[in-house]
Amino acid sequence: MHRCTMKTKKELVMGLLKENTDGLTIIEMAKELKISRNTVPVILAELKGEGVIRIRPVGKAKLHYWRGKQ
């Protein structure tokens, strides 16, 4: 497996958020990308720190949206 041909998990999450403009929960992202439910929040925290996503609470869940560079 060559690093240059494989997308990182962060790139996969970013791509998924860009495609799904209605927002996604952590569980939805984990299922879609077939990655650990515990890995997704770590990636989202990094993206939030970069200011490229926004998070909207909906009941107990949180929907995550792509915002892009500010």
PDB file of N, CA and C in Angstrom:
ATOM      1  N   MET A   1       0.832  -1.177   0.000  1.00  0.00           N
ATOM      2  CA  MET A   1       0.000   0.000   0.000  1.00  0.00           C
ATOM      3  C   MET A   1       0.879   1.244   0.000  1.00  0.00           C
ATOM      4  N   HIS A   2       0.745   2.018  -1.033  1.00  0.00           N
ATOM      5  CA  HIS A   2       1.534   3.233  -1.151  1.00  0.00           C
ATOM      6  C   HIS A   2       0.756   4.420  -0.615  1.00  0.00           C
ATOM      7  N   ARG A   3       1.431   5.206   0.186  1.00  0.00           N
ATOM      8  CA  ARG A   3       0.814   6.366   0.825  1.00  0.00           C
ATOM      9  C   ARG A   3       0.278   7.362  -0.212  1.00  0.00           C
ATOM     10  N   CYS A   4       0.956   7.475  -1.344  1.00  0.00           N
ATOM     11  CA  CYS A   4       0.554   8.486  -2.328  1.00  0.00           C
ATOM     12  C   CYS A   4      -0.762   8.123  -3.028  1.00  0.00           C
ATOM     13  N   THR A   5      -1.137   6.848  -3.031  1.00  0.00           N
ATOM     14  CA  THR A   5      -2.366   6.454  -3.711  1.00  0.00           C
ATOM     15  C   THR A   5      -3.543   6.291  -2.754  1.00  0.00           C
ATOM     16  N   MET A   6      -3.269   6.215  -1.482  1.00  0.00           N
ATOM     17  CA  MET A   6      -4.339   6.024  -0.504  1.00  0.00           C
ATOM     18  C   MET A   6      -4.708   7.357   0.142  1.00  0.00           C
ATOM     19  N   LYS A   7      -5.988   7.589   0.269  1.00  0.00           N
ATOM     20  CA  LYS A   7      -6.438   8.795   0.971  1.00  0.00           C
ATOM     21  C   LYS A   7      -6.317   8.548   2.467  1.00  0.00           C
ATOM     22  N   THR A   8      -5.949   9.591   3.192  1.00  0.00           N
ATOM     23  CA  THR A   8      -5.911   9.470   4.641  1.00  0.00           C
ATOM     24  C   THR A   8      -7.345   9.469   5.168  1.00  0.00           C
ATOM     25  N   LYS A   9      -7.520   9.024   6.383  1.00  0.00           N
ATOM     26  CA  LYS A   9      -8.855   9.029   6.990  1.00  0.00           C
ATOM     27  C   LYS A   9      -9.397  10.448   7.064  1.00  0.00           C
ATOM     28  N   LYS A  10      -8.522  11.402   7.334  1.00  0.00           N
ATOM     29  CA  LYS A  10      -8.936  12.810   7.386  1.00  0.00           C
ATOM     30  C   LYS A  10      -9.456  13.246   6.023  1.00  0.00           C
ATOM     31  N   GLU A  11      -8.757  12.884   4.949  1.00  0.00           N
ATOM     32  CA  GLU A  11      -9.206  13.240   3.596  1.00  0.00           C
ATOM     33  C   GLU A  11     -10.545  12.586   3.271  1.00  0.00           C
ATOM     34  N   LEU A  12     -10.740  11.351   3.734  1.00  0.00           N
ATOM     35  CA  LEU A  12     -12.007  10.658   3.509  1.00  0.00           C
ATOM     36  C   LEU A  12     -13.158  11.370   4.211  1.00  0.00           C
ATOM     37  N   VAL A  13     -12.931  11.778   5.462  1.00  0.00           N
ATOM     38  CA  VAL A  13     -13.970  12.498   6.220  1.00  0.00           C
ATOM     39  C   VAL A  13     -14.271  13.828   5.541  1.00  0.00           C
ATOM     40  N   MET A  14     -13.234  14.539   5.121  1.00  0.00           N
ATOM     41  CA  MET A  14     -13.434  15.823   4.450  1.00  0.00           C
ATOM     42  C   MET A  14     -14.259  15.646   3.173  1.00  0.00           C
ATOM     43  N   GLY A  15     -13.928  14.650   2.384  1.00  0.00           N
ATOM     44  CA  GLY A  15     -14.654  14.390   1.148  1.00  0.00           C
ATOM     45  C   GLY A  15     -16.111  14.051   1.401  1.00  0.00           C
ATOM     46  N   LEU A  16     -16.353  13.241   2.428  1.00  0.00           N
ATOM     47  CA  LEU A  16     -17.718  12.841   2.764  1.00  0.00           C
ATOM     48  C   LEU A  16     -18.549  14.048   3.198  1.00  0.00           C
ATOM     49  N   LEU A  17     -17.959  14.921   4.005  1.00  0.00           N
ATOM     50  CA  LEU A  17     -18.675  16.114   4.459  1.00  0.00           C
ATOM     51  C   LEU A  17     -18.965  17.065   3.296  1.00  0.00           C
ATOM     52  N   LYS A  18     -18.036  17.159   2.354  1.00  0.00           N
ATOM     53  CA  LYS A  18     -18.244  18.021   1.185  1.00  0.00           C
ATOM     54  C   LYS A  18     -19.400  17.501   0.333  1.00  0.00           C
ATOM     55  N   GLU A  19     -19.541  16.175   0.246  1.00  0.00           N
ATOM     56  CA  GLU A  19     -20.595  15.555  -0.572  1.00  0.00           C
ATOM     57  C   GLU A  19     -21.974  15.633   0.089  1.00  0.00           C
ATOM     58  N   ASN A  20     -22.011  15.617   1.416  1.00  0.00           N
ATOM     59  CA  ASN A  20     -23.270  15.555   2.157  1.00  0.00           C
ATOM     60  C   ASN A  20     -23.568  16.897   2.812  1.00  0.00           C
ATOM     61  N   THR A  21     -24.204  17.761   2.061  1.00  0.00           N
ATOM     62  CA  THR A  21     -24.436  19.128   2.537  1.00  0.00           C
ATOM     63  C   THR A  21     -25.530  19.217   3.601  1.00  0.00           C
ATOM     64  N   ASP A  22     -26.274  18.129   3.818  1.00  0.00           N
ATOM     65  CA  ASP A  22     -27.306  18.121   4.851  1.00  0.00           C
ATOM     66  C   ASP A  22     -26.737  17.822   6.232  1.00  0.00           C
ATOM     67  N   GLY A  23     -25.442  17.543   6.319  1.00  0.00           N
ATOM     68  CA  GLY A  23     -24.793  17.253   7.586  1.00  0.00           C
ATOM     69  C   GLY A  23     -24.819  15.767   7.912  1.00  0.00           C
ATOM     70  N   LEU A  24     -23.853  15.330   8.711  1.00  0.00           N
ATOM     71  CA  LEU A  24     -23.728  13.926   9.099  1.00  0.00           C
ATOM     72  C   LEU A  24     -23.369  13.814  10.570  1.00  0.00           C
ATOM     73  N   THR A  25     -23.821  12.722  11.180  1.00  0.00           N
ATOM     74  CA  THR A  25     -23.423  12.426  12.559  1.00  0.00           C
ATOM     75  C   THR A  25     -22.128  11.611  12.526  1.00  0.00           C
ATOM     76  N   ILE A  26     -21.519  11.481  13.674  1.00  0.00           N
ATOM     77  CA  ILE A  26     -20.291  10.693  13.793  1.00  0.00           C
ATOM     78  C   ILE A  26     -20.552   9.245  13.383  1.00  0.00           C
ATOM     79  N   ILE A  27     -21.661   8.686  13.839  1.00  0.00           N
ATOM     80  CA  ILE A  27     -21.974   7.284  13.529  1.00  0.00           C
ATOM     81  C   ILE A  27     -22.188   7.104  12.029  1.00  0.00           C
ATOM     82  N   GLU A  28     -22.884   8.041  11.389  1.00  0.00           N
ATOM     83  CA  GLU A  28     -23.098   7.953   9.942  1.00  0.00           C
ATOM     84  C   GLU A  28     -21.773   7.982   9.184  1.00  0.00           C
ATOM     85  N   MET A  29     -20.866   8.856   9.610  1.00  0.00           N
ATOM     86  CA  MET A  29     -19.560   8.936   8.951  1.00  0.00           C
ATOM     87  C   MET A  29     -18.764   7.655   9.140  1.00  0.00           C
ATOM     88  N   ALA A  30     -18.763   7.135  10.369  1.00  0.00           N
ATOM     89  CA  ALA A  30     -18.013   5.909  10.655  1.00  0.00           C
ATOM     90  C   ALA A  30     -18.533   4.742   9.817  1.00  0.00           C
ATOM     91  N   LYS A  31     -19.846   4.605   9.725  1.00  0.00           N
ATOM     92  CA  LYS A  31     -20.433   3.517   8.938  1.00  0.00           C
ATOM     93  C   LYS A  31     -20.110   3.661   7.466  1.00  0.00           C
ATOM     94  N   GLU A  32     -20.281   4.861   6.934  1.00  0.00           N
ATOM     95  CA  GLU A  32     -20.060   5.113   5.505  1.00  0.00           C
ATOM     96  C   GLU A  32     -18.602   4.857   5.108  1.00  0.00           C
ATOM     97  N   LEU A  33     -17.679   5.292   5.953  1.00  0.00           N
ATOM     98  CA  LEU A  33     -16.252   5.186   5.629  1.00  0.00           C
ATOM     99  C   LEU A  33     -15.616   3.899   6.148  1.00  0.00           C
ATOM    100  N   LYS A  34     -16.399   3.134   6.929  1.00  0.00           N
ATOM    101  CA  LYS A  34     -15.896   1.883   7.515  1.00  0.00           C
ATOM    102  C   LYS A  34     -14.629   2.118   8.339  1.00  0.00           C
ATOM    103  N   ILE A  35     -14.714   3.151   9.186  1.00  0.00           N
ATOM    104  CA  ILE A  35     -13.639   3.420  10.134  1.00  0.00           C
ATOM    105  C   ILE A  35     -14.230   3.463  11.535  1.00  0.00           C
ATOM    106  N   SER A  36     -13.380   3.388  12.531  1.00  0.00           N
ATOM    107  CA  SER A  36     -13.814   3.325  13.923  1.00  0.00           C
ATOM    108  C   SER A  36     -14.629   4.553  14.319  1.00  0.00           C
ATOM    109  N   ARG A  37     -15.669   4.296  15.095  1.00  0.00           N
ATOM    110  CA  ARG A  37     -16.506   5.368  15.631  1.00  0.00           C
ATOM    111  C   ARG A  37     -15.701   6.262  16.569  1.00  0.00           C
ATOM    112  N   ASN A  38     -14.608   5.734  17.111  1.00  0.00           N
ATOM    113  CA  ASN A  38     -13.748   6.520  18.006  1.00  0.00           C
ATOM    114  C   ASN A  38     -12.742   7.378  17.239  1.00  0.00           C
ATOM    115  N   THR A  39     -12.448   7.017  16.011  1.00  0.00           N
ATOM    116  CA  THR A  39     -11.498   7.766  15.191  1.00  0.00           C
ATOM    117  C   THR A  39     -12.130   9.037  14.643  1.00  0.00           C
ATOM    118  N   VAL A  40     -13.399   8.959  14.277  1.00  0.00           N
ATOM    119  CA  VAL A  40     -14.079  10.089  13.636  1.00  0.00           C
ATOM    120  C   VAL A  40     -14.042  11.364  14.499  1.00  0.00           C
ATOM    121  N   PRO A  41     -14.364  11.310  15.799  1.00  0.00           N
ATOM    122  CA  PRO A  41     -14.328  12.549  16.600  1.00  0.00           C
ATOM    123  C   PRO A  41     -12.933  13.185  16.677  1.00  0.00           C
ATOM    124  N   VAL A  42     -11.895  12.368  16.635  1.00  0.00           N
ATOM    125  CA  VAL A  42     -10.531  12.892  16.662  1.00  0.00           C
ATOM    126  C   VAL A  42     -10.276  13.717  15.402  1.00  0.00           C
ATOM    127  N   ILE A  43     -10.693  13.177  14.260  1.00  0.00           N
ATOM    128  CA  ILE A  43     -10.535  13.881  12.984  1.00  0.00           C
ATOM    129  C   ILE A  43     -11.388  15.147  12.978  1.00  0.00           C
ATOM    130  N   LEU A  44     -12.621  15.045  13.468  1.00  0.00           N
ATOM    131  CA  LEU A  44     -13.519  16.203  13.492  1.00  0.00           C
ATOM    132  C   LEU A  44     -12.981  17.306  14.396  1.00  0.00           C
ATOM    133  N   ALA A  45     -12.361  16.945  15.509  1.00  0.00           N
ATOM    134  CA  ALA A  45     -11.787  17.953  16.409  1.00  0.00           C
ATOM    135  C   ALA A  45     -10.666  18.713  15.696  1.00  0.00           C
ATOM    136  N   GLU A  46      -9.876  17.992  14.913  1.00  0.00           N
ATOM    137  CA  GLU A  46      -8.804  18.632  14.147  1.00  0.00           C
ATOM    138  C   GLU A  46      -9.389  19.575  13.090  1.00  0.00           C
ATOM    139  N   LEU A  47     -10.422  19.113  12.388  1.00  0.00           N
ATOM    140  CA  LEU A  47     -11.060  19.945  11.361  1.00  0.00           C
ATOM    141  C   LEU A  47     -11.738  21.169  11.983  1.00  0.00           C
ATOM    142  N   LYS A  48     -12.327  20.983  13.160  1.00  0.00           N
ATOM    143  CA  LYS A  48     -12.961  22.111  13.852  1.00  0.00           C
ATOM    144  C   LYS A  48     -11.903  23.142  14.237  1.00  0.00           C
ATOM    145  N   GLY A  49     -10.759  22.663  14.709  1.00  0.00           N
ATOM    146  CA  GLY A  49      -9.657  23.559  15.057  1.00  0.00           C
ATOM    147  C   GLY A  49      -9.147  24.350  13.863  1.00  0.00           C
ATOM    148  N   GLU A  50      -9.235  23.738  12.681  1.00  0.00           N
ATOM    149  CA  GLU A  50      -8.818  24.416  11.453  1.00  0.00           C
ATOM    150  C   GLU A  50      -9.899  25.369  10.940  1.00  0.00           C
ATOM    151  N   GLY A  51     -11.103  25.277  11.537  1.00  0.00           N
ATOM    152  CA  GLY A  51     -12.198  26.155  11.154  1.00  0.00           C
ATOM    153  C   GLY A  51     -12.868  25.792   9.840  1.00  0.00           C
ATOM    154  N   VAL A  52     -12.764  24.519   9.431  1.00  0.00           N
ATOM    155  CA  VAL A  52     -13.331  24.125   8.131  1.00  0.00           C
ATOM    156  C   VAL A  52     -14.657  23.371   8.243  1.00  0.00           C
ATOM    157  N   ILE A  53     -15.104  23.097   9.473  1.00  0.00           N
ATOM    158  CA  ILE A  53     -16.414  22.472   9.651  1.00  0.00           C
ATOM    159  C   ILE A  53     -17.217  23.277  10.665  1.00  0.00           C
ATOM    160  N   ARG A  54     -18.525  23.082  10.615  1.00  0.00           N
ATOM    161  CA  ARG A  54     -19.384  23.646  11.660  1.00  0.00           C
ATOM    162  C   ARG A  54     -20.220  22.503  12.214  1.00  0.00           C
ATOM    163  N   ILE A  55     -20.620  22.650  13.466  1.00  0.00           N
ATOM    164  CA  ILE A  55     -21.353  21.597  14.166  1.00  0.00           C
ATOM    165  C   ILE A  55     -22.656  22.180  14.685  1.00  0.00           C
ATOM    166  N   ARG A  56     -23.754  21.452  14.431  1.00  0.00           N
ATOM    167  CA  ARG A  56     -25.073  21.914  14.879  1.00  0.00           C
ATOM    168  C   ARG A  56     -25.712  20.814  15.725  1.00  0.00           C
ATOM    169  N   PRO A  57     -25.972  21.091  17.007  1.00  0.00           N
ATOM    170  CA  PRO A  57     -26.643  20.100  17.857  1.00  0.00           C
ATOM    171  C   PRO A  57     -28.093  19.896  17.423  1.00  0.00           C
ATOM    172  N   VAL A  58     -28.498  18.642  17.334  1.00  0.00           N
ATOM    173  CA  VAL A  58     -29.883  18.290  17.010  1.00  0.00           C
ATOM    174  C   VAL A  58     -30.298  17.209  18.007  1.00  0.00           C
ATOM    175  N   GLY A  59     -31.011  17.613  19.054  1.00  0.00           N
ATOM    176  CA  GLY A  59     -31.326  16.659  20.121  1.00  0.00           C
ATOM    177  C   GLY A  59     -30.044  16.188  20.775  1.00  0.00           C
ATOM    178  N   LYS A  60     -29.884  14.865  20.899  1.00  0.00           N
ATOM    179  CA  LYS A  60     -28.666  14.305  21.492  1.00  0.00           C
ATOM    180  C   LYS A  60     -27.528  14.234  20.486  1.00  0.00           C
ATOM    181  N   ALA A  61     -27.866  14.281  19.211  1.00  0.00           N
ATOM    182  CA  ALA A  61     -26.855  14.146  18.156  1.00  0.00           C
ATOM    183  C   ALA A  61     -26.277  15.503  17.772  1.00  0.00           C
ATOM    184  N   LYS A  62     -25.180  15.458  17.031  1.00  0.00           N
ATOM    185  CA  LYS A  62     -24.587  16.664  16.461  1.00  0.00           C
ATOM    186  C   LYS A  62     -24.388  16.406  14.974  1.00  0.00           C
ATOM    187  N   LEU A  63     -24.864  17.345  14.168  1.00  0.00           N
ATOM    188  CA  LEU A  63     -24.633  17.252  12.731  1.00  0.00           C
ATOM    189  C   LEU A  63     -23.407  18.069  12.380  1.00  0.00           C
ATOM    190  N   HIS A  64     -22.556  17.491  11.524  1.00  0.00           N
ATOM    191  CA  HIS A  64     -21.323  18.127  11.112  1.00  0.00           C
ATOM    192  C   HIS A  64     -21.428  18.513   9.649  1.00  0.00           C
ATOM    193  N   TYR A  65     -21.013  19.739   9.335  1.00  0.00           N
ATOM    194  CA  TYR A  65     -21.124  20.296   7.994  1.00  0.00           C
ATOM    195  C   TYR A  65     -19.765  20.811   7.538  1.00  0.00           C
ATOM    196  N   TRP A  66     -19.512  20.713   6.235  1.00  0.00           N
ATOM    197  CA  TRP A  66     -18.299  21.281   5.664  1.00  0.00           C
ATOM    198  C   TRP A  66     -18.487  22.787   5.514  1.00  0.00           C
ATOM    199  N   ARG A  67     -17.527  23.549   5.931  1.00  0.00           N
ATOM    200  CA  ARG A  67     -17.578  24.996   5.824  1.00  0.00           C
ATOM    201  C   ARG A  67     -16.524  25.487   4.834  1.00  0.00           C
ATOM    202  N   GLY A  68     -15.416  24.787   4.753  1.00  0.00           N
ATOM    203  CA  GLY A  68     -14.315  25.206   3.881  1.00  0.00           C
ATOM    204  C   GLY A  68     -13.444  26.253   4.555  1.00  0.00           C
ATOM    205  N   LYS A  69     -12.413  26.654   3.873  1.00  0.00           N
ATOM    206  CA  LYS A  69     -11.474  27.636   4.429  1.00  0.00           C
ATOM    207  C   LYS A  69     -12.136  29.003   4.583  1.00  0.00           C
ATOM    208  N   GLN A  70     -11.839  29.656   5.684  1.00  0.00           N
ATOM    209  CA  GLN A  70     -12.420  30.979   5.960  1.00  0.00           C
ATOM    210  C   GLN A  70     -11.566  32.059   5.342  1.00  0.00           C
TER     211      GLN A  70
END
